Amino acid sequence: MRGMIIITSCVLALLSSGCAFIMKGSAKNVAGLTVVETKLKALEKPEDPPAEMVEVPFVPSPSDGQSTVVVNVRNADAKVSLVTSTKRSAINVEGKGQVAGGGLQNVDLDTRLLCARTPCAFTLPFGSATLHIESPPKDGWESSTDLYDIDVLPEKAQLVTHVMSRAKTETVSPSRKTKGLFAAILLETFGWTGVTVGGTIALVGEPGPGLGVAVGGALLVALGVMVYDPGSKQIDERSFHPSATTLSPYPPR
């Protein structure tokens, strides 16, 4: 009976000892993964860009019921599409009925390409329209998507001068490598085994030797925790640069 108790205790100790060093550091550190903390940094909204005359390869002549719209993106080569439908209602636009952010929030959109590269010109029917402006990554900034809501007016060509929103993530404090992992596993394995076996021996009638083994095991456990260094967490800083838009007649006066 005593032998079965000791064997069972050893098996349980071996199964648990591999996770014992979680006492120092997080589970992600133990698994060899980097724990990343991201700090958000909102940059100031830029001033509305000045409306300037731009050279457009082709300016189409509007048909009945249409007007011309010219789009000039100041800080990127972007493509412009027309939002034809939304599959959810949580849409965030900057322009008419301005909503803070000027971005896209968990919305599935159907779009129709108007031009593949700005500056460009196209015609739209009279009424309200939402422009979907998308730019590729540039100078370390990620690709971005902005929405702009415009009223297309009869016999009135309009110029949309836009500065794209931008976001990028930079590591401001890199993580260190985990140290002492293998040694900690060995020490914790023998330590928890000693604690379990020693405690079992003490309970079944031999308190002196059992307590000695348990104390020795506890010291190994403490040493295993001390030698294990999970490394510092990585800190990233995510910067967001809001968009800005100016709507003016075309050509600008």
Protein backbone atom coordinates (compact mmCIF):
# COMPACT_ATOMS: atom_id res chain seq x y z
CA MET A 1 0.00 0.00 0.00
CA ARG A 2 2.78 2.39 0.97
CA GLY A 3 4.59 1.59 -2.29
CA MET A 4 1.50 2.35 -4.36
CA ILE A 5 1.08 5.71 -2.61
CA ILE A 6 4.70 6.64 -3.28
CA ILE A 7 4.49 5.60 -6.97
CA THR A 8 1.25 7.53 -7.46
CA SER A 9 2.76 10.59 -5.80
CA CYS A 10 5.81 10.46 -8.05
CA VAL A 11 3.68 10.25 -11.20
CA LEU A 12 1.56 13.24 -10.13
CA ALA A 13 4.66 15.21 -9.25
CA LEU A 14 6.30 14.53 -12.60
CA LEU A 15 3.15 15.63 -14.45
CA SER A 16 2.88 18.87 -12.51
CA SER A 17 6.54 19.79 -12.24
CA GLY A 18 6.91 20.83 -15.86
CA CYS A 19 4.47 23.70 -15.24
CA ALA A 20 5.80 24.73 -11.86
CA PHE A 21 7.95 27.59 -13.11
CA ILE A 22 4.77 29.43 -14.19
CA MET A 23 5.13 30.83 -10.67
CA LYS A 24 7.63 33.22 -12.22
CA GLY A 25 6.37 34.91 -15.39
CA SER A 26 3.29 34.36 -17.50
CA ALA A 27 2.15 31.29 -19.38
CA LYS A 28 3.05 32.89 -22.70
CA ASN A 29 6.63 33.40 -21.54
CA VAL A 30 6.86 29.77 -20.46
CA ALA A 31 5.66 28.56 -23.81
CA GLY A 32 8.48 30.45 -25.49
CA LEU A 33 6.18 33.12 -26.93
CA THR A 34 6.70 36.85 -26.70
CA VAL A 35 4.26 38.72 -24.51
CA VAL A 36 3.48 41.92 -26.39
CA GLU A 37 1.89 44.99 -24.85
CA THR A 38 0.63 47.55 -27.36
CA LYS A 39 0.27 51.20 -26.43
CA LEU A 40 -1.90 53.44 -28.61
CA LYS A 41 -0.68 56.87 -29.63
CA ALA A 42 -3.19 59.13 -31.39
CA LEU A 43 -1.53 61.87 -33.40
CA GLU A 44 -3.13 65.26 -33.87
CA LYS A 45 -5.54 65.65 -36.74
CA PRO A 46 -3.78 67.45 -39.60
CA GLU A 47 -5.01 70.74 -40.95
CA ASP A 48 -7.40 70.57 -43.88
CA PRO A 49 -5.26 70.36 -47.02
CA PRO A 50 -5.33 73.35 -49.38
CA ALA A 51 -7.24 72.89 -52.61
CA GLU A 52 -4.80 73.07 -55.50
CA MET A 53 -5.19 72.65 -59.23
CA VAL A 54 -4.02 69.16 -60.25
CA GLU A 55 -3.31 67.67 -63.63
CA VAL A 56 -5.71 64.85 -64.37
CA PRO A 57 -5.08 62.60 -67.41
CA PHE A 58 -8.74 62.67 -68.42
CA VAL A 59 -11.73 64.62 -67.18
CA PRO A 60 -14.94 63.01 -68.47
CA SER A 61 -17.85 65.13 -69.59
CA PRO A 62 -20.91 64.50 -67.44
CA SER A 63 -24.09 63.14 -68.96
CA ASP A 64 -27.55 64.32 -68.00
CA GLY A 65 -28.11 63.83 -64.29
CA GLN A 66 -24.39 63.65 -63.51
CA SER A 67 -21.57 65.89 -62.29
CA THR A 68 -17.79 65.59 -62.33
CA VAL A 69 -15.78 64.77 -59.22
CA VAL A 70 -11.98 65.07 -59.06
CA VAL A 71 -10.03 63.36 -56.25
CA ASN A 72 -6.49 64.33 -55.28
CA VAL A 73 -4.77 62.39 -52.46
CA ARG A 74 -1.86 64.43 -51.12
CA ASN A 75 0.18 61.81 -49.25
CA ALA A 76 -0.25 58.61 -51.28
CA ASP A 77 -1.13 57.02 -54.59
CA ALA A 78 -4.64 55.79 -53.87
CA LYS A 79 -7.50 54.13 -55.65
CA VAL A 80 -11.05 55.39 -55.38
CA SER A 81 -14.22 53.31 -55.40
CA LEU A 82 -17.89 54.04 -54.94
CA VAL A 83 -19.66 52.35 -52.03
CA THR A 84 -22.69 50.69 -53.60
CA SER A 85 -24.07 48.92 -50.52
CA THR A 86 -23.26 48.11 -46.91
CA LYS A 87 -23.96 44.79 -45.22
CA ARG A 88 -23.89 46.29 -41.74
CA SER A 89 -24.90 49.71 -40.46
CA ALA A 90 -21.82 50.59 -38.37
CA ILE A 91 -20.26 52.81 -40.99
CA ASN A 92 -18.02 55.71 -40.02
CA VAL A 93 -17.49 58.52 -42.52
CA GLU A 94 -15.92 61.92 -42.50
CA GLY A 95 -17.59 64.60 -44.57
CA LYS A 96 -21.30 65.33 -44.63
CA GLY A 97 -22.72 64.36 -41.25
CA GLN A 98 -19.16 64.09 -39.96
CA VAL A 99 -18.39 61.25 -37.55
CA ALA A 100 -15.12 61.19 -35.60
CA GLY A 101 -12.41 58.99 -37.04
CA GLY A 102 -13.19 58.96 -40.73
CA GLY A 103 -12.53 55.22 -40.82
CA LEU A 104 -14.22 51.91 -41.34
CA GLN A 105 -15.60 50.03 -38.31
CA ASN A 106 -16.57 46.39 -38.77
CA VAL A 107 -18.45 46.94 -42.00
CA ASP A 108 -18.74 44.76 -45.08
CA LEU A 109 -18.93 46.97 -48.16
CA ASP A 110 -19.74 46.42 -51.80
CA THR A 111 -17.78 48.85 -53.97
CA ARG A 112 -17.32 49.74 -57.62
CA LEU A 113 -13.92 50.95 -58.79
CA LEU A 114 -13.93 54.52 -60.09
CA CYS A 115 -10.20 55.02 -60.67
CA ALA A 116 -7.09 52.94 -59.98
CA ARG A 117 -4.77 55.83 -59.15
CA THR A 118 -5.15 59.39 -57.97
CA PRO A 119 -5.37 62.16 -59.00
CA CYS A 120 -8.30 61.19 -61.16
CA ALA A 121 -11.72 62.36 -62.32
CA PHE A 122 -15.04 60.59 -62.79
CA THR A 123 -18.73 61.35 -63.01
CA LEU A 124 -21.43 60.45 -60.51
CA PRO A 125 -25.20 60.83 -60.50
CA PHE A 126 -26.71 63.69 -58.52
CA GLY A 127 -27.29 62.92 -54.86
CA SER A 128 -25.28 61.54 -51.95
CA ALA A 129 -22.35 59.22 -52.56
CA THR A 130 -19.72 57.61 -50.32
CA LEU A 131 -16.20 57.42 -51.68
CA HIS A 132 -13.98 54.53 -50.58
CA ILE A 133 -10.35 55.72 -50.76
CA GLU A 134 -7.63 53.12 -50.26
CA SER A 135 -3.85 53.53 -50.26
CA PRO A 136 -0.98 50.98 -50.10
CA PRO A 137 1.77 50.91 -47.41
CA LYS A 138 4.29 53.73 -47.59
CA ASP A 139 7.40 54.77 -45.60
CA GLY A 140 6.70 52.34 -42.77
CA TRP A 141 3.01 53.24 -42.52
CA GLU A 142 0.43 50.54 -43.12
CA SER A 143 -2.14 50.53 -45.89
CA SER A 144 -5.23 52.51 -44.99
CA THR A 145 -8.84 52.93 -46.00
CA ASP A 146 -10.89 56.10 -45.60
CA LEU A 147 -14.50 56.90 -46.40
CA TYR A 148 -15.75 60.28 -47.54
CA ASP A 149 -19.39 61.22 -47.99
CA ILE A 150 -20.08 63.77 -50.72
CA ASP A 151 -23.14 65.49 -52.18
CA VAL A 152 -22.99 65.42 -55.98
CA LEU A 153 -24.59 68.67 -57.16
CA PRO A 154 -26.05 69.51 -60.58
CA GLU A 155 -23.76 71.42 -62.96
CA LYS A 156 -21.10 71.76 -60.29
CA ALA A 157 -17.76 69.97 -60.62
CA GLN A 158 -16.08 69.35 -57.26
CA LEU A 159 -12.53 68.69 -56.08
CA VAL A 160 -11.88 66.36 -53.14
CA THR A 161 -8.43 67.04 -51.70
CA HIS A 162 -7.62 64.30 -49.20
CA VAL A 163 -4.87 63.33 -46.75
CA MET A 164 -5.01 59.62 -45.94
CA SER A 165 -5.19 58.33 -42.41
CA ARG A 166 -2.15 56.24 -41.47
CA ALA A 167 -1.24 53.73 -38.81
CA LYS A 168 2.02 52.00 -37.92
CA THR A 169 3.36 49.86 -35.09
CA GLU A 170 6.89 50.25 -33.76
CA THR A 171 8.67 48.23 -31.06
CA VAL A 172 9.84 50.64 -28.36
CA SER A 173 11.02 47.98 -25.90
CA PRO A 174 12.04 44.59 -27.34
CA SER A 175 11.80 41.45 -25.23
CA ARG A 176 14.82 39.56 -23.92
CA LYS A 177 15.36 35.85 -24.48
CA THR A 178 14.11 33.46 -21.84
CA LYS A 179 16.98 32.09 -19.71
CA GLY A 180 17.34 29.10 -17.40
CA LEU A 181 14.35 27.24 -18.81
CA PHE A 182 15.99 23.78 -18.99
CA ALA A 183 17.61 24.10 -15.57
CA ALA A 184 14.31 25.24 -14.07
CA ILE A 185 12.50 22.21 -15.50
CA LEU A 186 15.05 19.81 -13.98
CA LEU A 187 15.10 21.51 -10.58
CA GLU A 188 11.31 21.76 -10.46
CA THR A 189 10.93 18.11 -11.48
CA PHE A 190 13.21 16.82 -8.72
CA GLY A 191 11.94 19.40 -6.26
CA TRP A 192 8.23 18.65 -6.61
CA THR A 193 9.00 14.94 -6.64
CA GLY A 194 10.87 15.34 -3.34
CA VAL A 195 8.07 17.37 -1.79
CA THR A 196 5.42 14.85 -2.83
CA VAL A 197 7.39 11.73 -1.90
CA GLY A 198 8.69 13.23 1.36
CA GLY A 199 5.23 14.33 2.39
CA THR A 200 3.83 10.90 1.62
CA ILE A 201 6.55 9.16 3.66
CA ALA A 202 5.90 11.50 6.58
CA LEU A 203 2.16 10.80 6.44
CA VAL A 204 2.55 7.00 6.42
CA GLY A 205 4.63 6.87 9.61
CA GLU A 206 8.21 8.08 9.09
CA PRO A 207 8.02 11.83 9.77
CA GLY A 208 11.76 12.44 10.24
CA PRO A 209 13.09 11.15 6.90
CA GLY A 210 9.92 12.26 5.11
CA LEU A 211 10.17 15.85 6.28
CA GLY A 212 13.87 15.92 5.36
CA VAL A 213 13.10 14.81 1.80
CA ALA A 214 10.18 17.29 1.57
CA VAL A 215 12.32 20.21 2.78
CA GLY A 216 15.06 19.32 0.31
CA GLY A 217 12.51 19.19 -2.46
CA ALA A 218 11.12 22.58 -1.46
CA LEU A 219 14.60 24.08 -1.66
CA LEU A 220 15.01 22.69 -5.19
CA VAL A 221 11.63 24.19 -6.15
CA ALA A 222 12.73 27.59 -4.84
CA LEU A 223 16.05 27.33 -6.69
CA GLY A 224 14.24 26.43 -9.91
CA VAL A 225 12.06 29.54 -9.63
CA MET A 226 15.15 31.68 -8.96
CA VAL A 227 17.16 30.48 -11.99
CA TYR A 228 14.28 30.90 -14.43
CA ASP A 229 14.16 34.28 -16.15
CA PRO A 230 11.19 34.59 -18.53
CA GLY A 231 12.53 37.77 -20.09
CA SER A 232 10.83 41.13 -20.27
CA LYS A 233 7.66 41.68 -22.26
CA GLN A 234 7.85 43.47 -25.58
CA ILE A 235 6.23 46.90 -25.74
CA ASP A 236 4.92 48.16 -29.07
CA GLU A 237 3.59 51.62 -29.82
CA ARG A 238 0.81 51.94 -32.40
CA SER A 239 0.47 55.42 -33.87
CA PHE A 240 -2.64 56.57 -35.70
CA HIS A 241 -2.66 59.61 -37.95
CA PRO A 242 -6.23 60.79 -38.72
CA SER A 243 -7.37 61.80 -42.18
CA ALA A 244 -8.31 65.27 -43.39
CA THR A 245 -10.33 66.38 -46.39
CA THR A 246 -11.16 69.62 -48.19
CA LEU A 247 -14.10 69.88 -50.58
CA SER A 248 -13.99 72.73 -53.09
CA PRO A 249 -15.16 73.66 -56.59
CA TYR A 250 -13.19 72.33 -59.54
CA PRO A 251 -11.16 74.01 -60.82
CA PRO A 252 -10.35 75.67 -57.49
CA ARG A 253 -10.92 79.39 -57.40
